[in-house]
Amino acid sequence: MHPRIQNNYVELTMEGMLEQVAFYHKGGLQGTPTNSYALGYTLYTYLKNMGEITGIDQRLKMLAFEGVVPSEESIANGSYPLTDGYYAVVRSDLPQEHSARKIIKWLKSDEGRAIIRGLGLIPKE
């Protein structure tokens, strides 16, 4: 960073961070255009969902990591290296009718898999 940078701004909401990064170069917080840029980190699905609602994703550039740009395909097939797995685990002594088991059963159902697939979290068939 340039040594004359003396202030850092921390945005407390993900939506606010996206807006600050998207509009920083055009004036951002002070409304005065600058020759500088901002960098933010978010979840791919969050950015895409917000993009569908507000179009903010069109004002932002997603950066590649180790030469791979995040996309639905690169995340689903595992080629994008900054992905993480999620697990649903229950205790073996929980009764079969317990709500936790019902959630896992739904996640494994055709409906649950379709919703997860629609979010871009597993490959499309």
Foldseek 3Di string as FASTA:
>chain_A
DDPVDDDDDDDDDPVLVLVQQLCVQCCRPNNHHDPDGDDDDDDPLVLVVVCVVPVSVVSDDADADPPHGDDLVCQQVVVRPPHDDDDQDDDPPDDCPDVSNVVVVCCPDPVNVVVCVVSSNHPDD
